[in-house]
Amino acid sequence: MDFIIDNVSIPELKAAIANTGAKVFLYGAGDGASSYAKIALPAIAFHGLTLTCFIDDDKTRWGKTLGGHEIKSLDAVMSMPGEKIVFISSNYFESMAKNLDRYRANIKVFTCRQILENVPKEVFAGVMDYEEVQRRIHMHATKFRRIANQSQFSHDLHLNIVDIQVTERCTMKCKDCSNLMQYYSKPRNAEAIELDQSICSLLEAIDELSEARILGGEPFLYKDLPSAMKLLQASQKVKKILVYTNATFVPKDGILQSLVNEKTLVEITDYDEQSHACLDMIKAFKDCGIRYICHRPQNWTDSARIVDMPRDEQALTELFSRCCVNDVLTLLHGRLYHCPFSANAHNLKAIPTSKQDFVDLIALQGTSLRNAIKDFYFGRNHLTACGYCLGRDYTQLQVVPAIQVKKAFPLPVFAM
């Protein structure tokens, strides 16, 4: 990661291109509703740069186009003559850095932050809501910082994302919910006292949390949400708060008021007729001055089944390194897990577990908790859950979002 640059100015980039005749490439051709590629294209045009083509690791995309630009493999691009400047238009920094490392002597590699920041909002009109553009920039910067500058040996403890799961209850029952809500036959809410204590313990133990994400299930079913929101909003350590909803009903006034905060953003996923309160929710948010974004469901992948997947140590490590949520911790019922799949699979008692799979935010305090979180966050090559997960990366097959089922799926039975 030491060869990826995150602090160069646009004038410096232009001068380098003018002096060397270097060609510009974007590494990552994701076509999802909130992909970095989609916003990188107008940003590059705004800066007066010319894109040669996209690079992508997904073989099924090679030879296709995105925004009128061809998608090629990394090897194909590296065989092209001349100097090359590559912008990483994705958050898969670890796997991309590993691929680029072979060519580091012949290329200049940059994050996308430089070309996305300080671009007028009208440049992204019709491409992505500007609130979401800002969130994409923030996530890109914090994901890179975690991988490039943080380790278990660092004095500071900065966490990128923590999912705070306030309930297992949901107004929908999606067949392919990657948080495994479809397996809960008796869903329950978080205990308010335990949740508030867990949040306080976590915040006392760390130096910074880039983003706290409130989710479920449907978090607006959790009547004690205002208490948790107040704790997060009051903490200077928490930089952003994101609340997810499926817009099946408008929350009550108390919950609405808890969302009125400059660092709080509600992300509405619009599932057509299933999100029947979407327009009413948007109106209520506008009336209250609540910041929000609204979009169609993102690319859903076949990642929502609990399946025994025999893998050796190398395969498990590779699966974890490519996972799109390998830096997303999940707080559930007083415990901190390393991903939402692991949290809910363990909570359901669907997979083998051990004390190595979570950090107890209630039992540990002070320095002991801080050290435990640091070792857990940076010191894992893979999880127990990786042996029962199909994976969450660009290689997974896409599925139709939000197909509904009438009752909970039966839990798989494995030898424990």
Protein backbone atom coordinates (compact mmCIF):
# COMPACT_ATOMS: atom_id res chain seq x y z
CA MET A 1 0.00 0.00 0.00
CA ASP A 2 2.99 2.34 0.41
CA PHE A 3 3.05 3.08 -3.34
CA ILE A 4 -0.56 4.35 -3.47
CA ILE A 5 -0.62 8.16 -3.25
CA ASP A 6 -3.38 10.07 -1.46
CA ASN A 7 -2.03 13.63 -1.24
CA VAL A 8 -1.35 15.07 -4.69
CA SER A 9 -3.07 18.12 -6.17
CA ILE A 10 -4.84 18.28 -9.52
CA PRO A 11 -2.34 20.85 -10.91
CA GLU A 12 0.51 18.48 -9.99
CA LEU A 13 -1.29 15.63 -11.76
CA LYS A 14 -1.85 17.73 -14.87
CA ALA A 15 1.79 18.78 -14.92
CA ALA A 16 2.93 15.17 -14.65
CA ILE A 17 0.65 14.14 -17.51
CA ALA A 18 1.82 17.04 -19.68
CA ASN A 19 5.51 16.27 -19.03
CA THR A 20 5.35 12.52 -19.57
CA GLY A 21 2.37 12.01 -21.87
CA ALA A 22 1.00 9.55 -19.32
CA LYS A 23 -2.35 7.88 -19.98
CA VAL A 24 -5.07 7.91 -17.31
CA PHE A 25 -6.94 4.81 -16.15
CA LEU A 26 -9.65 4.05 -13.59
CA TYR A 27 -9.22 0.77 -11.70
CA GLY A 28 -12.71 -0.44 -10.80
CA ALA A 29 -15.64 -0.45 -13.24
CA GLY A 30 -18.49 -1.06 -10.82
CA ASP A 31 -21.87 -0.21 -12.30
CA GLY A 32 -23.93 -0.13 -9.09
CA ALA A 33 -26.11 2.83 -8.12
CA SER A 34 -23.39 4.25 -5.86
CA SER A 35 -20.24 3.02 -7.62
CA TYR A 36 -17.10 5.14 -7.58
CA ALA A 37 -16.67 4.66 -11.32
CA LYS A 38 -19.90 6.53 -12.05
CA ILE A 39 -18.85 9.64 -10.15
CA ALA A 40 -15.20 9.43 -11.17
CA LEU A 41 -16.13 9.83 -14.85
CA PRO A 42 -17.72 13.30 -14.59
CA ALA A 43 -15.06 14.36 -12.08
CA ILE A 44 -12.27 13.47 -14.51
CA ALA A 45 -14.02 15.38 -17.26
CA PHE A 46 -14.45 18.40 -14.97
CA HIS A 47 -10.68 18.46 -14.31
CA GLY A 48 -9.94 18.30 -18.03
CA LEU A 49 -8.35 14.85 -17.85
CA THR A 50 -8.81 12.22 -20.55
CA LEU A 51 -9.63 8.66 -19.52
CA THR A 52 -8.03 5.95 -21.66
CA CYS A 53 -10.10 3.03 -20.32
CA PHE A 54 -11.25 1.19 -17.21
CA ILE A 55 -9.40 -1.64 -15.51
CA ASP A 56 -11.38 -4.34 -13.72
CA ASP A 57 -10.63 -7.74 -12.19
CA ASP A 58 -14.02 -9.19 -13.15
CA LYS A 59 -13.46 -11.23 -16.32
CA THR A 60 -17.13 -10.96 -17.28
CA ARG A 61 -16.69 -7.20 -17.78
CA TRP A 62 -13.64 -7.33 -20.05
CA GLY A 63 -14.43 -6.03 -23.52
CA LYS A 64 -17.60 -4.27 -22.36
CA THR A 65 -17.95 -0.54 -21.87
CA LEU A 66 -18.96 1.79 -19.04
CA GLY A 67 -19.82 5.38 -19.84
CA GLY A 68 -18.44 4.87 -23.34
CA HIS A 69 -15.06 3.62 -22.13
CA GLU A 70 -13.78 0.09 -22.68
CA ILE A 71 -13.08 -2.19 -19.70
CA LYS A 72 -9.81 -4.13 -19.84
CA SER A 73 -7.85 -6.47 -17.60
CA LEU A 74 -4.90 -5.13 -15.61
CA ASP A 75 -2.45 -7.23 -17.61
CA ALA A 76 -3.86 -5.90 -20.89
CA VAL A 77 -3.44 -2.30 -19.75
CA MET A 78 0.06 -2.88 -18.45
CA SER A 79 1.11 -4.26 -21.83
CA MET A 80 0.21 -0.93 -23.43
CA PRO A 81 3.17 1.40 -24.17
CA GLY A 82 3.85 4.64 -22.34
CA GLU A 83 3.55 6.07 -18.83
CA LYS A 84 0.42 5.25 -16.85
CA ILE A 85 -1.52 6.97 -14.07
CA VAL A 86 -4.09 4.78 -12.29
CA PHE A 87 -6.86 6.04 -10.02
CA ILE A 88 -8.45 3.42 -7.77
CA SER A 89 -12.20 3.86 -8.26
CA SER A 90 -13.20 1.24 -5.71
CA ASN A 91 -12.82 0.41 -2.03
CA TYR A 92 -11.12 -2.96 -2.66
CA PHE A 93 -7.76 -1.44 -1.75
CA GLU A 94 -6.19 -4.62 -0.39
CA SER A 95 -6.78 -6.89 -3.39
CA MET A 96 -6.06 -4.09 -5.88
CA ALA A 97 -2.81 -3.15 -4.16
CA LYS A 98 -1.73 -6.79 -4.32
CA ASN A 99 -2.39 -6.85 -8.07
CA LEU A 100 -0.72 -3.49 -8.72
CA ASP A 101 2.33 -4.33 -6.66
CA ARG A 102 3.81 -6.29 -9.61
CA TYR A 103 3.85 -3.09 -11.68
CA ARG A 104 4.66 -0.47 -9.05
CA ALA A 105 7.94 0.48 -10.74
CA ASN A 106 6.16 1.43 -13.99
CA ILE A 107 3.02 3.26 -12.84
CA LYS A 108 1.75 6.01 -10.57
CA VAL A 109 -1.23 4.96 -8.45
CA PHE A 110 -3.61 7.36 -6.68
CA THR A 111 -6.78 7.09 -4.66
CA CYS A 112 -9.90 8.69 -6.15
CA ARG A 113 -10.12 11.27 -3.40
CA GLN A 114 -8.09 13.87 -5.30
CA ILE A 115 -10.38 13.92 -8.32
CA LEU A 116 -13.66 13.71 -6.35
CA GLU A 117 -13.06 16.44 -3.78
CA ASN A 118 -13.77 20.10 -4.50
CA VAL A 119 -15.94 19.32 -7.51
CA PRO A 120 -19.14 21.41 -7.82
CA LYS A 121 -22.29 19.48 -6.98
CA GLU A 122 -23.84 20.19 -10.39
CA VAL A 123 -21.13 18.03 -12.00
CA PHE A 124 -22.78 14.97 -10.43
CA ALA A 125 -26.36 15.98 -11.32
CA GLY A 126 -28.24 13.03 -12.77
CA VAL A 127 -25.48 10.65 -11.71
CA MET A 128 -25.68 10.52 -7.93
CA ASP A 129 -27.24 12.53 -5.12
CA TYR A 130 -24.62 14.96 -3.82
CA GLU A 131 -25.12 13.81 -0.21
CA GLU A 132 -24.16 10.33 -1.34
CA VAL A 133 -21.18 11.63 -3.32
CA GLN A 134 -19.87 13.20 -0.12
CA ARG A 135 -20.38 9.95 1.74
CA ARG A 136 -18.55 8.02 -0.99
CA ILE A 137 -15.56 10.39 -0.68
CA HIS A 138 -15.57 10.01 3.10
CA MET A 139 -15.70 6.21 2.93
CA HIS A 140 -12.97 6.07 0.29
CA ALA A 141 -10.64 8.20 2.40
CA THR A 142 -11.27 6.35 5.65
CA LYS A 143 -10.96 2.87 4.12
CA PHE A 144 -7.63 3.83 2.59
CA ARG A 145 -6.41 5.39 5.82
CA ARG A 146 -7.25 2.28 7.81
CA ILE A 147 -5.33 -0.02 5.49
CA ALA A 148 -2.41 2.29 4.74
CA ASN A 149 -1.71 3.88 8.11
CA GLN A 150 -3.28 1.78 10.84
CA SER A 151 -2.19 -1.51 12.39
CA GLN A 152 -2.30 -3.34 15.68
CA PHE A 153 1.02 -1.60 16.44
CA SER A 154 -0.39 1.92 16.04
CA HIS A 155 -0.80 4.03 19.17
CA ASP A 156 -4.17 5.41 18.03
CA LEU A 157 -7.30 3.34 17.54
CA HIS A 158 -9.41 4.56 14.63
CA LEU A 159 -12.33 2.40 13.48
CA ASN A 160 -13.73 2.82 10.00
CA ILE A 161 -17.33 1.56 10.29
CA VAL A 162 -19.36 0.00 13.09
CA ASP A 163 -22.80 -1.39 12.28
CA ILE A 164 -25.02 -0.98 15.34
CA GLN A 165 -27.81 -3.51 14.94
CA VAL A 166 -30.66 -2.26 17.09
CA THR A 167 -33.21 -4.90 16.16
CA GLU A 168 -33.70 -8.23 14.40
CA ARG A 169 -37.26 -7.26 13.56
CA CYS A 170 -38.08 -6.12 10.05
CA THR A 171 -41.14 -5.10 8.07
CA MET A 172 -39.81 -7.12 5.15
CA LYS A 173 -38.43 -10.65 4.95
CA CYS A 174 -35.99 -10.71 2.07
CA LYS A 175 -34.82 -14.09 0.82
CA ASP A 176 -31.30 -12.77 0.20
CA CYS A 177 -30.77 -10.42 3.15
CA SER A 178 -27.00 -10.41 3.67
CA ASN A 179 -27.56 -9.68 7.38
CA LEU A 180 -29.46 -12.99 7.68
CA MET A 181 -32.77 -11.54 8.92
CA GLN A 182 -34.56 -14.26 6.92
CA TYR A 183 -33.34 -16.87 9.45
CA TYR A 184 -34.92 -15.23 12.52
CA SER A 185 -38.13 -16.98 13.62
CA LYS A 186 -38.30 -15.00 16.90
CA PRO A 187 -36.59 -11.65 16.23
CA ARG A 188 -36.00 -9.33 19.16
CA ASN A 189 -34.91 -5.78 19.84
CA ALA A 190 -31.69 -4.76 21.53
CA GLU A 191 -32.04 -4.22 25.26
CA ALA A 192 -31.90 -0.44 25.64
CA ILE A 193 -29.67 -0.38 28.75
CA GLU A 194 -27.27 -2.96 27.29
CA LEU A 195 -27.08 -1.14 23.95
CA ASP A 196 -26.38 2.25 25.51
CA GLN A 197 -23.75 0.71 27.78
CA SER A 198 -22.13 -1.03 24.79
CA ILE A 199 -21.98 2.21 22.80
CA CYS A 200 -20.47 4.08 25.75
CA SER A 201 -17.86 1.36 26.37
CA LEU A 202 -16.92 1.26 22.70
CA LEU A 203 -16.54 5.04 22.43
CA GLU A 204 -14.48 5.23 25.61
CA ALA A 205 -12.07 2.60 24.27
CA ILE A 206 -11.36 4.14 20.84
CA ASP A 207 -10.01 7.42 19.49
CA GLU A 208 -12.26 7.85 16.46
CA LEU A 209 -15.14 6.20 14.61
CA SER A 210 -15.46 7.37 11.02
CA GLU A 211 -19.01 6.11 10.58
CA ALA A 212 -21.63 4.58 12.85
CA ARG A 213 -24.37 2.79 10.89
CA ILE A 214 -27.72 2.14 12.54
CA LEU A 215 -29.58 -0.82 11.09
CA GLY A 216 -31.62 -3.92 11.73
CA GLY A 217 -33.94 -5.32 10.46
CA GLU A 218 -35.77 -2.04 10.24
CA PRO A 219 -34.26 0.34 12.84
CA PHE A 220 -37.39 2.51 13.04
CA LEU A 221 -39.11 -0.43 14.77
CA TYR A 222 -36.78 0.17 17.72
CA LYS A 223 -38.60 2.55 20.08
CA ASP A 224 -35.46 3.32 22.10
CA LEU A 225 -33.57 4.57 19.03
CA PRO A 226 -33.46 8.23 20.27
CA SER A 227 -31.34 7.24 23.27
CA ALA A 228 -28.71 5.53 21.12
CA MET A 229 -28.76 8.39 18.61
CA LYS A 230 -28.18 10.95 21.37
CA LEU A 231 -25.07 9.12 22.59
CA LEU A 232 -23.57 8.91 19.11
CA GLN A 233 -24.42 12.48 18.13
CA ALA A 234 -22.94 13.87 21.35
CA SER A 235 -19.60 12.13 20.88
CA GLN A 236 -16.88 14.08 19.07
CA LYS A 237 -15.25 10.75 18.27
CA VAL A 238 -18.11 9.81 15.92
CA LYS A 239 -17.69 11.64 12.62
CA LYS A 240 -20.77 10.46 10.71
CA ILE A 241 -23.96 8.54 11.51
CA LEU A 242 -25.94 6.67 8.86
CA VAL A 243 -29.40 5.21 9.48
CA TYR A 244 -30.79 2.62 7.04
CA THR A 245 -34.51 2.23 6.31
CA ASN A 246 -36.72 0.41 3.81
CA ALA A 247 -39.40 3.14 3.92
CA THR A 248 -42.30 0.85 4.79
CA PHE A 249 -43.66 3.33 7.36
CA VAL A 250 -42.97 6.83 8.64
CA PRO A 251 -41.45 6.77 12.14
CA LYS A 252 -43.09 8.56 15.06
CA ASP A 253 -42.22 12.13 16.01
CA GLY A 254 -39.77 11.16 18.76
CA ILE A 255 -37.68 9.13 16.37
CA LEU A 256 -37.95 11.76 13.64
CA GLN A 257 -36.60 14.42 15.99
CA SER A 258 -33.68 12.18 16.95
CA LEU A 259 -32.58 12.22 13.30
CA VAL A 260 -32.29 16.02 13.10
CA ASN A 261 -28.53 16.39 13.35
CA GLU A 262 -25.83 17.72 11.02
CA LYS A 263 -23.74 14.54 11.08
CA THR A 264 -26.72 12.19 10.74
CA LEU A 265 -27.87 10.95 7.33
CA VAL A 266 -30.76 8.57 6.60
CA GLU A 267 -30.29 6.21 3.66
CA ILE A 268 -33.65 5.21 2.16
CA THR A 269 -33.73 2.15 -0.08
CA ASP A 270 -36.74 2.35 -2.38
CA TYR A 271 -38.15 -1.14 -3.10
CA ASP A 272 -41.03 0.09 -5.28
CA GLU A 273 -44.43 -1.02 -3.98
CA GLN A 274 -42.88 -2.60 -0.89
CA SER A 275 -41.55 0.81 0.18
CA HIS A 276 -45.09 2.18 0.11
CA ALA A 277 -44.33 4.99 2.60
CA CYS A 278 -41.32 6.31 0.67
CA LEU A 279 -42.90 9.57 -0.54
CA ASP A 280 -44.51 10.25 2.84
CA MET A 281 -41.18 9.57 4.57
CA ILE A 282 -39.33 11.97 2.28
CA LYS A 283 -41.94 14.65 2.95
CA ALA A 284 -41.63 14.12 6.71
CA PHE A 285 -37.85 14.33 6.48
CA LYS A 286 -38.02 17.56 4.48
CA ASP A 287 -40.50 19.06 6.95
CA CYS A 288 -38.23 18.18 9.88
CA GLY A 289 -34.95 19.16 8.19
CA ILE A 290 -33.58 15.60 8.25
CA ARG A 291 -30.70 14.89 5.86
CA TYR A 292 -31.37 11.87 3.64
CA ILE A 293 -30.50 10.09 0.42
CA CYS A 294 -32.84 7.81 -1.50
CA HIS A 295 -31.89 5.25 -4.10
CA ARG A 296 -32.90 1.98 -5.66
CA PRO A 297 -31.46 -1.24 -4.16
CA GLN A 298 -27.76 -1.72 -4.85
CA ASN A 299 -26.33 -4.81 -6.51
CA TRP A 300 -27.36 -7.76 -4.33
CA THR A 301 -25.18 -10.85 -4.46
CA ASP A 302 -25.64 -14.49 -3.50
CA SER A 303 -24.10 -13.94 -0.05
CA ALA A 304 -27.02 -14.62 2.26
CA ARG A 305 -26.84 -18.35 2.79
CA ILE A 306 -25.17 -20.16 5.69
CA VAL A 307 -23.33 -23.02 4.00
CA ASP A 308 -20.45 -25.21 5.16
CA MET A 309 -17.66 -24.30 2.73
CA PRO A 310 -14.54 -26.47 3.20
CA ARG A 311 -11.59 -24.12 2.65
CA ASP A 312 -7.93 -24.29 3.62
CA GLU A 313 -6.14 -21.50 5.49
CA GLN A 314 -5.02 -19.74 2.31
CA ALA A 315 -8.51 -19.79 0.79
CA LEU A 316 -10.06 -18.41 3.98
CA THR A 317 -7.51 -15.61 4.15
CA GLU A 318 -8.08 -14.72 0.50
CA LEU A 319 -11.88 -14.72 1.00
CA PHE A 320 -11.55 -12.35 3.95
CA SER A 321 -9.10 -10.01 2.20
CA ARG A 322 -11.51 -9.60 -0.76
CA CYS A 323 -14.61 -9.13 1.39
CA CYS A 324 -16.35 -5.77 0.99
CA VAL A 325 -17.14 -5.65 4.72
CA ASN A 326 -13.85 -6.85 6.19
CA ASP A 327 -13.45 -3.49 7.93
CA VAL A 328 -17.06 -3.28 9.15
CA LEU A 329 -17.45 -4.24 12.79
CA THR A 330 -20.94 -5.11 14.05
CA LEU A 331 -22.29 -4.37 17.51
CA LEU A 332 -25.01 -6.86 18.46
CA HIS A 333 -26.37 -7.64 21.94
CA GLY A 334 -23.31 -6.35 23.80
CA ARG A 335 -20.73 -7.98 21.56
CA LEU A 336 -18.52 -6.59 18.82
CA TYR A 337 -18.18 -8.90 15.81
CA HIS A 338 -16.05 -8.54 12.71
CA CYS A 339 -18.85 -8.48 10.12
CA PRO A 340 -22.67 -8.59 9.95
CA PHE A 341 -22.68 -12.18 8.68
CA SER A 342 -20.50 -13.32 11.58
CA ALA A 343 -22.60 -11.39 14.11
CA ASN A 344 -25.92 -12.83 13.05
CA ALA A 345 -24.68 -16.34 12.28
CA HIS A 346 -23.28 -16.51 15.81
CA ASN A 347 -26.35 -14.86 17.32
CA LEU A 348 -28.54 -17.47 15.61
CA LYS A 349 -26.22 -20.20 16.97
CA ALA A 350 -25.97 -21.44 13.38
CA ILE A 351 -22.18 -21.86 13.30
CA PRO A 352 -19.49 -22.92 15.77
CA THR A 353 -18.32 -20.12 18.01
CA SER A 354 -15.51 -19.24 20.38
CA LYS A 355 -14.38 -16.23 22.36
CA GLN A 356 -12.01 -15.42 19.48
CA ASP A 357 -14.98 -14.46 17.29
CA PHE A 358 -16.13 -11.40 19.26
CA VAL A 359 -15.21 -8.77 21.84
CA ASP A 360 -17.44 -8.52 24.91
CA LEU A 361 -18.20 -4.81 25.36
CA ILE A 362 -19.92 -5.39 28.69
CA ALA A 363 -17.39 -7.62 30.45
CA LEU A 364 -14.24 -5.75 29.39
CA GLN A 365 -13.36 -2.20 30.37
CA GLY A 366 -10.60 0.38 29.98
CA THR A 367 -7.22 -0.66 28.59
CA SER A 368 -8.25 -4.32 28.41
CA LEU A 369 -11.14 -3.45 26.11
CA ARG A 370 -9.03 -1.09 23.99
CA ASN A 371 -6.35 -3.73 23.44
CA ALA A 372 -8.93 -6.40 22.71
CA ILE A 373 -10.60 -4.24 20.05
CA LYS A 374 -7.25 -3.33 18.46
CA ASP A 375 -6.11 -6.96 18.28
CA PHE A 376 -9.52 -8.05 16.97
CA TYR A 377 -9.81 -5.31 14.34
CA PHE A 378 -6.29 -5.54 12.90
CA GLY A 379 -5.11 -8.99 13.91
CA ARG A 380 -7.46 -11.31 12.04
CA ASN A 381 -6.66 -13.01 8.71
CA HIS A 382 -10.12 -14.58 8.61
CA LEU A 383 -13.08 -15.46 10.81
CA THR A 384 -14.85 -18.63 11.85
CA ALA A 385 -17.79 -17.32 9.82
CA CYS A 386 -15.65 -17.29 6.64
CA GLY A 387 -15.93 -21.06 6.59
CA TYR A 388 -19.72 -20.78 6.29
CA CYS A 389 -19.99 -17.75 4.00
CA LEU A 390 -20.21 -17.76 0.22
CA GLY A 391 -18.22 -14.52 0.12
CA ARG A 392 -19.01 -10.85 -0.44
CA ASP A 393 -16.90 -9.55 -3.30
CA TYR A 394 -17.11 -8.80 -7.02
CA THR A 395 -16.93 -12.51 -7.95
CA GLN A 396 -20.29 -13.36 -6.36
CA LEU A 397 -23.32 -13.92 -8.57
CA GLN A 398 -25.89 -11.15 -8.49
CA VAL A 399 -29.46 -11.90 -7.41
CA VAL A 400 -32.78 -10.07 -7.71
CA PRO A 401 -33.09 -7.74 -4.69
CA ALA A 402 -35.76 -8.09 -2.02
CA ILE A 403 -37.54 -11.29 -3.08
CA GLN A 404 -39.91 -11.89 -0.16
CA VAL A 405 -40.51 -15.12 1.77
CA LYS A 406 -43.46 -15.79 4.06
CA LYS A 407 -41.69 -17.46 6.96
CA ALA A 408 -38.24 -17.77 8.43
CA PHE A 409 -35.74 -20.12 6.81
CA PRO A 410 -34.80 -23.18 8.86
CA LEU A 411 -31.34 -22.98 10.35
CA PRO A 412 -28.75 -25.29 8.78
CA VAL A 413 -27.39 -28.06 10.99
CA PHE A 414 -23.60 -28.50 11.15
CA ALA A 415 -21.37 -30.65 13.31
CA MET A 416 -20.30 -28.29 16.09
